[in-house]
PDB file of N, CA and C in Angstrom:
ATOM      1  N   MET A   1     -89.294  -6.613  34.069  1.00  0.00           N
ATOM      2  CA  MET A   1     -88.887  -7.164  35.338  1.00  0.00           C
ATOM      3  C   MET A   1     -90.122  -7.684  36.057  1.00  0.00           C
ATOM      4  N   ARG A   2     -90.023  -8.897  36.546  1.00  0.00           N
ATOM      5  CA  ARG A   2     -91.187  -9.466  37.217  1.00  0.00           C
ATOM      6  C   ARG A   2     -91.262  -8.998  38.656  1.00  0.00           C
ATOM      7  N   ARG A   3     -92.438  -8.993  39.220  1.00  0.00           N
ATOM      8  CA  ARG A   3     -92.644  -8.562  40.597  1.00  0.00           C
ATOM      9  C   ARG A   3     -92.380  -9.713  41.549  1.00  0.00           C
ATOM     10  N   ALA A   4     -91.877  -9.411  42.716  1.00  0.00           N
ATOM     11  CA  ALA A   4     -91.636 -10.435  43.731  1.00  0.00           C
ATOM     12  C   ALA A   4     -92.973 -10.924  44.273  1.00  0.00           C
ATOM     13  N   THR A   5     -93.099 -12.214  44.406  1.00  0.00           N
ATOM     14  CA  THR A   5     -94.333 -12.795  44.946  1.00  0.00           C
ATOM     15  C   THR A   5     -94.101 -13.162  46.402  1.00  0.00           C
ATOM     16  N   LEU A   6     -95.160 -13.577  47.066  1.00  0.00           N
ATOM     17  CA  LEU A   6     -95.065 -13.979  48.461  1.00  0.00           C
ATOM     18  C   LEU A   6     -94.068 -15.125  48.624  1.00  0.00           C
ATOM     19  N   ALA A   7     -94.013 -16.024  47.644  1.00  0.00           N
ATOM     20  CA  ALA A   7     -93.089 -17.156  47.709  1.00  0.00           C
ATOM     21  C   ALA A   7     -91.630 -16.713  47.611  1.00  0.00           C
ATOM     22  N   ASP A   8     -91.379 -15.574  47.015  1.00  0.00           N
ATOM     23  CA  ASP A   8     -90.016 -15.070  46.864  1.00  0.00           C
ATOM     24  C   ASP A   8     -89.448 -14.496  48.161  1.00  0.00           C
ATOM     25  N   LYS A   9     -90.309 -14.146  49.079  1.00  0.00           N
ATOM     26  CA  LYS A   9     -89.859 -13.505  50.316  1.00  0.00           C
ATOM     27  C   LYS A   9     -89.264 -14.552  51.253  1.00  0.00           C
ATOM     28  N   ASN A  10     -88.010 -14.358  51.611  1.00  0.00           N
ATOM     29  CA  ASN A  10     -87.319 -15.288  52.499  1.00  0.00           C
ATOM     30  C   ASN A  10     -87.565 -14.982  53.956  1.00  0.00           C
ATOM     31  N   GLY A  11     -87.843 -13.753  54.267  1.00  0.00           N
ATOM     32  CA  GLY A  11     -88.030 -13.418  55.669  1.00  0.00           C
ATOM     33  C   GLY A  11     -88.361 -11.964  55.877  1.00  0.00           C
ATOM     34  N   LEU A  12     -88.898 -11.694  57.060  1.00  0.00           N
ATOM     35  CA  LEU A  12     -89.271 -10.344  57.437  1.00  0.00           C
ATOM     36  C   LEU A  12     -88.938 -10.195  58.905  1.00  0.00           C
ATOM     37  N   ARG A  13     -88.318  -9.082  59.285  1.00  0.00           N
ATOM     38  CA  ARG A  13     -88.053  -8.854  60.705  1.00  0.00           C
ATOM     39  C   ARG A  13     -88.076  -7.370  60.996  1.00  0.00           C
ATOM     40  N   LYS A  14     -88.378  -7.062  62.238  1.00  0.00           N
ATOM     41  CA  LYS A  14     -88.334  -5.683  62.707  1.00  0.00           C
ATOM     42  C   LYS A  14     -87.013  -5.503  63.419  1.00  0.00           C
ATOM     43  N   GLN A  15     -86.406  -4.339  63.227  1.00  0.00           N
ATOM     44  CA  GLN A  15     -85.101  -4.092  63.823  1.00  0.00           C
ATOM     45  C   GLN A  15     -85.080  -2.691  64.387  1.00  0.00           C
ATOM     46  N   VAL A  16     -84.489  -2.559  65.565  1.00  0.00           N
ATOM     47  CA  VAL A  16     -84.378  -1.244  66.188  1.00  0.00           C
ATOM     48  C   VAL A  16     -83.441  -0.390  65.349  1.00  0.00           C
ATOM     49  N   ALA A  17     -83.867   0.812  65.037  1.00  0.00           N
ATOM     50  CA  ALA A  17     -83.058   1.731  64.245  1.00  0.00           C
ATOM     51  C   ALA A  17     -82.527   2.822  65.166  1.00  0.00           C
ATOM     52  N   ALA A  18     -81.228   3.038  65.142  1.00  0.00           N
ATOM     53  CA  ALA A  18     -80.587   3.999  66.042  1.00  0.00           C
ATOM     54  C   ALA A  18     -80.957   5.440  65.738  1.00  0.00           C
ATOM     55  N   PHE A  19     -81.363   5.720  64.508  1.00  0.00           N
ATOM     56  CA  PHE A  19     -81.596   7.099  64.101  1.00  0.00           C
ATOM     57  C   PHE A  19     -83.037   7.563  64.311  1.00  0.00           C
ATOM     58  N   THR A  20     -83.904   6.694  64.833  1.00  0.00           N
ATOM     59  CA  THR A  20     -85.297   7.070  65.014  1.00  0.00           C
ATOM     60  C   THR A  20     -85.891   6.300  66.183  1.00  0.00           C
ATOM     61  N   ASP A  21     -87.061   6.720  66.656  1.00  0.00           N
ATOM     62  CA  ASP A  21     -87.728   5.986  67.735  1.00  0.00           C
ATOM     63  C   ASP A  21     -88.692   4.942  67.173  1.00  0.00           C
ATOM     64  N   HIS A  22     -88.642   4.714  65.877  1.00  0.00           N
ATOM     65  CA  HIS A  22     -89.481   3.711  65.225  1.00  0.00           C
ATOM     66  C   HIS A  22     -88.674   2.446  64.948  1.00  0.00           C
ATOM     67  N   LEU A  23     -89.358   1.390  64.600  1.00  0.00           N
ATOM     68  CA  LEU A  23     -88.689   0.160  64.202  1.00  0.00           C
ATOM     69  C   LEU A  23     -88.504   0.167  62.692  1.00  0.00           C
ATOM     70  N   ALA A  24     -87.354  -0.251  62.250  1.00  0.00           N
ATOM     71  CA  ALA A  24     -87.113  -0.397  60.814  1.00  0.00           C
ATOM     72  C   ALA A  24     -87.561  -1.793  60.407  1.00  0.00           C
ATOM     73  N   VAL A  25     -88.052  -1.928  59.209  1.00  0.00           N
ATOM     74  CA  VAL A  25     -88.483  -3.223  58.703  1.00  0.00           C
ATOM     75  C   VAL A  25     -87.457  -3.695  57.677  1.00  0.00           C
ATOM     76  N   VAL A  26     -86.982  -4.908  57.858  1.00  0.00           N
ATOM     77  CA  VAL A  26     -86.012  -5.493  56.935  1.00  0.00           C
ATOM     78  C   VAL A  26     -86.700  -6.656  56.239  1.00  0.00           C
ATOM     79  N   ILE A  27     -86.758  -6.607  54.912  1.00  0.00           N
ATOM     80  CA  ILE A  27     -87.383  -7.666  54.125  1.00  0.00           C
ATOM     81  C   ILE A  27     -86.321  -8.272  53.220  1.00  0.00           C
ATOM     82  N   ARG A  28     -86.172  -9.579  53.290  1.00  0.00           N
ATOM     83  CA  ARG A  28     -85.249 -10.276  52.397  1.00  0.00           C
ATOM     84  C   ARG A  28     -86.069 -10.890  51.274  1.00  0.00           C
ATOM     85  N   ILE A  29     -85.699 -10.577  50.037  1.00  0.00           N
ATOM     86  CA  ILE A  29     -86.424 -11.073  48.876  1.00  0.00           C
ATOM     87  C   ILE A  29     -85.446 -11.811  47.978  1.00  0.00           C
ATOM     88  N   ALA A  30     -85.829 -12.987  47.551  1.00  0.00           N
ATOM     89  CA  ALA A  30     -85.006 -13.760  46.618  1.00  0.00           C
ATOM     90  C   ALA A  30     -85.626 -13.618  45.237  1.00  0.00           C
ATOM     91  N   LEU A  31     -84.851 -13.084  44.303  1.00  0.00           N
ATOM     92  CA  LEU A  31     -85.331 -12.947  42.938  1.00  0.00           C
ATOM     93  C   LEU A  31     -84.592 -13.929  42.050  1.00  0.00           C
ATOM     94  N   ALA A  32     -85.273 -14.399  41.057  1.00  0.00           N
ATOM     95  CA  ALA A  32     -84.631 -15.303  40.122  1.00  0.00           C
ATOM     96  C   ALA A  32     -83.485 -14.558  39.436  1.00  0.00           C
ATOM     97  N   ALA A  33     -82.341 -15.197  39.353  1.00  0.00           N
ATOM     98  CA  ALA A  33     -81.176 -14.566  38.719  1.00  0.00           C
ATOM     99  C   ALA A  33     -81.442 -14.396  37.237  1.00  0.00           C
ATOM    100  N   THR A  34     -81.173 -13.214  36.773  1.00  0.00           N
ATOM    101  CA  THR A  34     -81.353 -12.966  35.343  1.00  0.00           C
ATOM    102  C   THR A  34     -80.009 -13.093  34.650  1.00  0.00           C
ATOM    103  N   THR A  35     -80.024 -13.579  33.480  1.00  0.00           N
ATOM    104  CA  THR A  35     -78.792 -13.683  32.704  1.00  0.00           C
ATOM    105  C   THR A  35     -78.805 -12.600  31.637  1.00  0.00           C
ATOM    106  N   MET A  36     -77.632 -12.162  31.283  1.00  0.00           N
ATOM    107  CA  MET A  36     -77.535 -11.150  30.236  1.00  0.00           C
ATOM    108  C   MET A  36     -77.893 -11.781  28.897  1.00  0.00           C
ATOM    109  N   GLN A  37     -78.740 -11.109  28.192  1.00  0.00           N
ATOM    110  CA  GLN A  37     -79.108 -11.568  26.865  1.00  0.00           C
ATOM    111  C   GLN A  37     -78.543 -10.570  25.866  1.00  0.00           C
ATOM    112  N   HIS A  38     -77.837 -11.097  24.907  1.00  0.00           N
ATOM    113  CA  HIS A  38     -77.285 -10.208  23.887  1.00  0.00           C
ATOM    114  C   HIS A  38     -78.349  -9.985  22.827  1.00  0.00           C
ATOM    115  N   GLY A  39     -78.398  -8.789  22.348  1.00  0.00           N
ATOM    116  CA  GLY A  39     -79.380  -8.479  21.327  1.00  0.00           C
ATOM    117  C   GLY A  39     -79.316  -7.026  20.957  1.00  0.00           C
ATOM    118  N   ARG A  40     -80.371  -6.564  20.404  1.00  0.00           N
ATOM    119  CA  ARG A  40     -80.432  -5.221  19.856  1.00  0.00           C
ATOM    120  C   ARG A  40     -80.205  -4.126  20.896  1.00  0.00           C
ATOM    121  N   SER A  41     -80.730  -4.282  22.088  1.00  0.00           N
ATOM    122  CA  SER A  41     -80.639  -3.203  23.069  1.00  0.00           C
ATOM    123  C   SER A  41     -79.455  -3.354  24.029  1.00  0.00           C
ATOM    124  N   TYR A  42     -78.592  -4.327  23.791  1.00  0.00           N
ATOM    125  CA  TYR A  42     -77.447  -4.525  24.660  1.00  0.00           C
ATOM    126  C   TYR A  42     -76.165  -4.115  23.956  1.00  0.00           C
ATOM    127  N   TRP A  43     -75.199  -3.654  24.754  1.00  0.00           N
ATOM    128  CA  TRP A  43     -73.926  -3.236  24.223  1.00  0.00           C
ATOM    129  C   TRP A  43     -72.844  -3.630  25.221  1.00  0.00           C
ATOM    130  N   LYS A  44     -71.738  -4.097  24.734  1.00  0.00           N
ATOM    131  CA  LYS A  44     -70.628  -4.491  25.587  1.00  0.00           C
ATOM    132  C   LYS A  44     -69.400  -3.652  25.228  1.00  0.00           C
ATOM    133  N   MET A  45     -68.807  -3.039  26.243  1.00  0.00           N
ATOM    134  CA  MET A  45     -67.638  -2.191  26.031  1.00  0.00           C
ATOM    135  C   MET A  45     -66.434  -3.056  25.649  1.00  0.00           C
ATOM    136  N   ASN A  46     -65.746  -2.677  24.596  1.00  0.00           N
ATOM    137  CA  ASN A  46     -64.551  -3.382  24.150  1.00  0.00           C
ATOM    138  C   ASN A  46     -63.363  -2.877  24.973  1.00  0.00           C
ATOM    139  N   MET A  47     -63.005  -3.637  25.996  1.00  0.00           N
ATOM    140  CA  MET A  47     -61.944  -3.217  26.910  1.00  0.00           C
ATOM    141  C   MET A  47     -60.564  -3.218  26.248  1.00  0.00           C
ATOM    142  N   ALA A  48     -60.406  -3.941  25.153  1.00  0.00           N
ATOM    143  CA  ALA A  48     -59.118  -3.978  24.449  1.00  0.00           C
ATOM    144  C   ALA A  48     -58.736  -2.592  23.949  1.00  0.00           C
ATOM    145  N   LEU A  49     -59.715  -1.746  23.691  1.00  0.00           N
ATOM    146  CA  LEU A  49     -59.419  -0.390  23.217  1.00  0.00           C
ATOM    147  C   LEU A  49     -58.655   0.411  24.260  1.00  0.00           C
ATOM    148  N   LEU A  50     -58.870   0.113  25.530  1.00  0.00           N
ATOM    149  CA  LEU A  50     -58.210   0.869  26.594  1.00  0.00           C
ATOM    150  C   LEU A  50     -56.711   0.594  26.668  1.00  0.00           C
ATOM    151  N   ARG A  51     -56.247  -0.422  25.990  1.00  0.00           N
ATOM    152  CA  ARG A  51     -54.799  -0.707  25.966  1.00  0.00           C
ATOM    153  C   ARG A  51     -54.057   0.237  25.034  1.00  0.00           C
ATOM    154  N   LYS A  52     -54.784   0.891  24.142  1.00  0.00           N
ATOM    155  CA  LYS A  52     -54.159   1.820  23.194  1.00  0.00           C
ATOM    156  C   LYS A  52     -53.958   3.176  23.875  1.00  0.00           C
ATOM    157  N   GLU A  53     -52.715   3.637  23.893  1.00  0.00           N
ATOM    158  CA  GLU A  53     -52.400   4.925  24.524  1.00  0.00           C
ATOM    159  C   GLU A  53     -53.139   6.079  23.851  1.00  0.00           C
ATOM    160  N   SER A  54     -53.252   6.040  22.526  1.00  0.00           N
ATOM    161  CA  SER A  54     -53.933   7.115  21.801  1.00  0.00           C
ATOM    162  C   SER A  54     -55.418   7.180  22.187  1.00  0.00           C
ATOM    163  N   PHE A  55     -56.027   6.022  22.388  1.00  0.00           N
ATOM    164  CA  PHE A  55     -57.440   6.009  22.784  1.00  0.00           C
ATOM    165  C   PHE A  55     -57.597   6.511  24.218  1.00  0.00           C
ATOM    166  N   GLN A  56     -56.677   6.121  25.092  1.00  0.00           N
ATOM    167  CA  GLN A  56     -56.719   6.613  26.476  1.00  0.00           C
ATOM    168  C   GLN A  56     -56.646   8.133  26.512  1.00  0.00           C
ATOM    169  N   GLU A  57     -55.769   8.694  25.702  1.00  0.00           N
ATOM    170  CA  GLU A  57     -55.634  10.152  25.650  1.00  0.00           C
ATOM    171  C   GLU A  57     -56.908  10.795  25.119  1.00  0.00           C
ATOM    172  N   GLN A  58     -57.511  10.169  24.136  1.00  0.00           N
ATOM    173  CA  GLN A  58     -58.772  10.678  23.585  1.00  0.00           C
ATOM    174  C   GLN A  58     -59.866  10.670  24.652  1.00  0.00           C
ATOM    175  N   VAL A  59     -59.930   9.606  25.442  1.00  0.00           N
ATOM    176  CA  VAL A  59     -60.922   9.512  26.518  1.00  0.00           C
ATOM    177  C   VAL A  59     -60.672  10.614  27.546  1.00  0.00           C
ATOM    178  N   ARG A  60     -59.404  10.825  27.910  1.00  0.00           N
ATOM    179  CA  ARG A  60     -59.069  11.884  28.879  1.00  0.00           C
ATOM    180  C   ARG A  60     -59.521  13.258  28.389  1.00  0.00           C
ATOM    181  N   GLN A  61     -59.242  13.560  27.117  1.00  0.00           N
ATOM    182  CA  GLN A  61     -59.624  14.861  26.561  1.00  0.00           C
ATOM    183  C   GLN A  61     -61.141  15.023  26.545  1.00  0.00           C
ATOM    184  N   ARG A  62     -61.818  14.011  26.082  1.00  0.00           N
ATOM    185  CA  ARG A  62     -63.279  14.083  26.019  1.00  0.00           C
ATOM    186  C   ARG A  62     -63.875  14.178  27.418  1.00  0.00           C
ATOM    187  N   TRP A  63     -63.291  13.434  28.375  1.00  0.00           N
ATOM    188  CA  TRP A  63     -63.810  13.446  29.744  1.00  0.00           C
ATOM    189  C   TRP A  63     -63.769  14.862  30.320  1.00  0.00           C
ATOM    190  N   SER A  64     -62.680  15.575  30.054  1.00  0.00           N
ATOM    191  CA  SER A  64     -62.596  16.947  30.560  1.00  0.00           C
ATOM    192  C   SER A  64     -63.670  17.835  29.926  1.00  0.00           C
ATOM    193  N   GLU A  65     -63.988  17.590  28.650  1.00  0.00           N
ATOM    194  CA  GLU A  65     -65.068  18.336  27.985  1.00  0.00           C
ATOM    195  C   GLU A  65     -66.425  17.993  28.600  1.00  0.00           C
ATOM    196  N   TRP A  66     -66.661  16.708  28.791  1.00  0.00           N
ATOM    197  CA  TRP A  66     -67.956  16.277  29.334  1.00  0.00           C
ATOM    198  C   TRP A  66     -68.134  16.755  30.768  1.00  0.00           C
ATOM    199  N   SER A  67     -67.048  16.777  31.538  1.00  0.00           N
ATOM    200  CA  SER A  67     -67.115  17.178  32.943  1.00  0.00           C
ATOM    201  C   SER A  67     -67.563  18.623  33.101  1.00  0.00           C
ATOM    202  N   LYS A  68     -67.270  19.453  32.118  1.00  0.00           N
ATOM    203  CA  LYS A  68     -67.675  20.857  32.190  1.00  0.00           C
ATOM    204  C   LYS A  68     -69.193  21.018  32.166  1.00  0.00           C
ATOM    205  N   GLN A  69     -69.897  19.996  31.716  1.00  0.00           N
ATOM    206  CA  GLN A  69     -71.352  20.077  31.614  1.00  0.00           C
ATOM    207  C   GLN A  69     -72.076  19.706  32.907  1.00  0.00           C
ATOM    208  N   THR A  70     -71.341  19.307  33.947  1.00  0.00           N
ATOM    209  CA  THR A  70     -71.986  18.890  35.199  1.00  0.00           C
ATOM    210  C   THR A  70     -72.825  20.012  35.806  1.00  0.00           C
ATOM    211  N   LYS A  71     -72.387  21.231  35.624  1.00  0.00           N
ATOM    212  CA  LYS A  71     -73.120  22.369  36.213  1.00  0.00           C
ATOM    213  C   LYS A  71     -74.503  22.559  35.590  1.00  0.00           C
ATOM    214  N   ASN A  72     -74.729  21.959  34.428  1.00  0.00           N
ATOM    215  CA  ASN A  72     -76.018  22.087  33.751  1.00  0.00           C
ATOM    216  C   ASN A  72     -77.063  21.075  34.228  1.00  0.00           C
ATOM    217  N   TYR A  73     -76.669  20.208  35.161  1.00  0.00           N
ATOM    218  CA  TYR A  73     -77.582  19.161  35.649  1.00  0.00           C
ATOM    219  C   TYR A  73     -77.689  19.248  37.156  1.00  0.00           C
ATOM    220  N   PRO A  74     -78.882  19.001  37.688  1.00  0.00           N
ATOM    221  CA  PRO A  74     -79.079  19.139  39.137  1.00  0.00           C
ATOM    222  C   PRO A  74     -78.291  18.117  39.961  1.00  0.00           C
ATOM    223  N   THR A  75     -78.043  16.926  39.420  1.00  0.00           N
ATOM    224  CA  THR A  75     -77.291  15.909  40.155  1.00  0.00           C
ATOM    225  C   THR A  75     -76.253  15.278  39.237  1.00  0.00           C
ATOM    226  N   MET A  76     -75.243  14.690  39.855  1.00  0.00           N
ATOM    227  CA  MET A  76     -74.208  13.996  39.095  1.00  0.00           C
ATOM    228  C   MET A  76     -74.783  12.761  38.404  1.00  0.00           C
ATOM    229  N   VAL A  77     -75.770  12.154  39.021  1.00  0.00           N
ATOM    230  CA  VAL A  77     -76.389  10.962  38.425  1.00  0.00           C
ATOM    231  C   VAL A  77     -77.062  11.330  37.111  1.00  0.00           C
ATOM    232  N   MET A  78     -77.782  12.436  37.091  1.00  0.00           N
ATOM    233  CA  MET A  78     -78.421  12.884  35.850  1.00  0.00           C
ATOM    234  C   MET A  78     -77.376  13.182  34.789  1.00  0.00           C
ATOM    235  N   TRP A  79     -76.286  13.849  35.184  1.00  0.00           N
ATOM    236  CA  TRP A  79     -75.209  14.133  34.236  1.00  0.00           C
ATOM    237  C   TRP A  79     -74.621  12.832  33.705  1.00  0.00           C
ATOM    238  N   TRP A  80     -74.388  11.866  34.595  1.00  0.00           N
ATOM    239  CA  TRP A  80     -73.810  10.591  34.184  1.00  0.00           C
ATOM    240  C   TRP A  80     -74.705   9.891  33.160  1.00  0.00           C
ATOM    241  N   GLU A  81     -75.998   9.817  33.460  1.00  0.00           N
ATOM    242  CA  GLU A  81     -76.932   9.106  32.583  1.00  0.00           C
ATOM    243  C   GLU A  81     -77.124   9.805  31.244  1.00  0.00           C
ATOM    244  N   ARG A  82     -77.187  11.123  31.256  1.00  0.00           N
ATOM    245  CA  ARG A  82     -77.532  11.873  30.041  1.00  0.00           C
ATOM    246  C   ARG A  82     -76.337  12.324  29.211  1.00  0.00           C
ATOM    247  N   VAL A  83     -75.168  12.448  29.837  1.00  0.00           N
ATOM    248  CA  VAL A  83     -74.011  12.956  29.099  1.00  0.00           C
ATOM    249  C   VAL A  83     -72.899  11.911  29.041  1.00  0.00           C
ATOM    250  N   ALA A  84     -72.288  11.651  30.169  1.00  0.00           N
ATOM    251  CA  ALA A  84     -71.089  10.816  30.195  1.00  0.00           C
ATOM    252  C   ALA A  84     -71.328   9.416  29.650  1.00  0.00           C
ATOM    253  N   LYS A  85     -72.319   8.748  30.153  1.00  0.00           N
ATOM    254  CA  LYS A  85     -72.590   7.375  29.743  1.00  0.00           C
ATOM    255  C   LYS A  85     -72.865   7.284  28.237  1.00  0.00           C
ATOM    256  N   VAL A  86     -73.653   8.203  27.737  1.00  0.00           N
ATOM    257  CA  VAL A  86     -74.011   8.221  26.316  1.00  0.00           C
ATOM    258  C   VAL A  86     -72.773   8.470  25.458  1.00  0.00           C
ATOM    259  N   HIS A  87     -71.961   9.452  25.851  1.00  0.00           N
ATOM    260  CA  HIS A  87     -70.768   9.791  25.066  1.00  0.00           C
ATOM    261  C   HIS A  87     -69.705   8.694  25.129  1.00  0.00           C
ATOM    262  N   ILE A  88     -69.555   8.079  26.291  1.00  0.00           N
ATOM    263  CA  ILE A  88     -68.596   6.980  26.411  1.00  0.00           C
ATOM    264  C   ILE A  88     -68.987   5.849  25.464  1.00  0.00           C
ATOM    265  N   LYS A  89     -70.247   5.512  25.462  1.00  0.00           N
ATOM    266  CA  LYS A  89     -70.730   4.447  24.577  1.00  0.00           C
ATOM    267  C   LYS A  89     -70.465   4.794  23.111  1.00  0.00           C
ATOM    268  N   LYS A  90     -70.808   6.018  22.727  1.00  0.00           N
ATOM    269  CA  LYS A  90     -70.592   6.444  21.340  1.00  0.00           C
ATOM    270  C   LYS A  90     -69.112   6.424  20.971  1.00  0.00           C
ATOM    271  N   LEU A  91     -68.262   6.860  21.895  1.00  0.00           N
ATOM    272  CA  LEU A  91     -66.831   6.889  21.634  1.00  0.00           C
ATOM    273  C   LEU A  91     -66.289   5.472  21.425  1.00  0.00           C
ATOM    274  N   PHE A  92     -66.689   4.546  22.281  1.00  0.00           N
ATOM    275  CA  PHE A  92     -66.229   3.167  22.136  1.00  0.00           C
ATOM    276  C   PHE A  92     -66.757   2.529  20.849  1.00  0.00           C
ATOM    277  N   ILE A  93     -67.998   2.786  20.538  1.00  0.00           N
ATOM    278  CA  ILE A  93     -68.575   2.220  19.310  1.00  0.00           C
ATOM    279  C   ILE A  93     -67.852   2.777  18.086  1.00  0.00           C
ATOM    280  N   HIS A  94     -67.629   4.093  18.072  1.00  0.00           N
ATOM    281  CA  HIS A  94     -66.945   4.718  16.933  1.00  0.00           C
ATOM    282  C   HIS A  94     -65.530   4.160  16.779  1.00  0.00           C
ATOM    283  N   GLU A  95     -64.785   4.121  17.886  1.00  0.00           N
ATOM    284  CA  GLU A  95     -63.404   3.635  17.822  1.00  0.00           C
ATOM    285  C   GLU A  95     -63.361   2.160  17.428  1.00  0.00           C
ATOM    286  N   GLY A  96     -64.304   1.380  17.914  1.00  0.00           N
ATOM    287  CA  GLY A  96     -64.363  -0.033  17.548  1.00  0.00           C
ATOM    288  C   GLY A  96     -64.679  -0.229  16.074  1.00  0.00           C
ATOM    289  N   THR A  97     -65.506   0.642  15.535  1.00  0.00           N
ATOM    290  CA  THR A  97     -65.851   0.573  14.112  1.00  0.00           C
ATOM    291  C   THR A  97     -64.660   0.969  13.249  1.00  0.00           C
ATOM    292  N   VAL A  98     -63.938   2.009  13.660  1.00  0.00           N
ATOM    293  CA  VAL A  98     -62.779   2.474  12.926  1.00  0.00           C
ATOM    294  C   VAL A  98     -61.684   1.410  12.947  1.00  0.00           C
ATOM    295  N   LYS A  99     -61.520   0.766  14.081  1.00  0.00           N
ATOM    296  CA  LYS A  99     -60.488  -0.270  14.240  1.00  0.00           C
ATOM    297  C   LYS A  99     -60.811  -1.437  13.352  1.00  0.00           C
TER     298      LYS A  99
END
């Protein structure tokens, strides 16, 4: 990811913040739009699989199993990144391969 340069900054303003006696700084930055590139490190979920009732049931069962692991992580975000997201991807890839 490239860093924003001075030319990318559209504006800067100070704004009164209700929650503090300080001024909040608002910076608007314009970044070049990135396009998705398909390749080795990208994966796209096959949404057609969700139309199958048997696959939906499989996702529901697995989700209940994965949800039990939330207590092992300090935040839901960590659980999502390390457990749910990984397992969802694997499940879709496996089912897509079998299909």
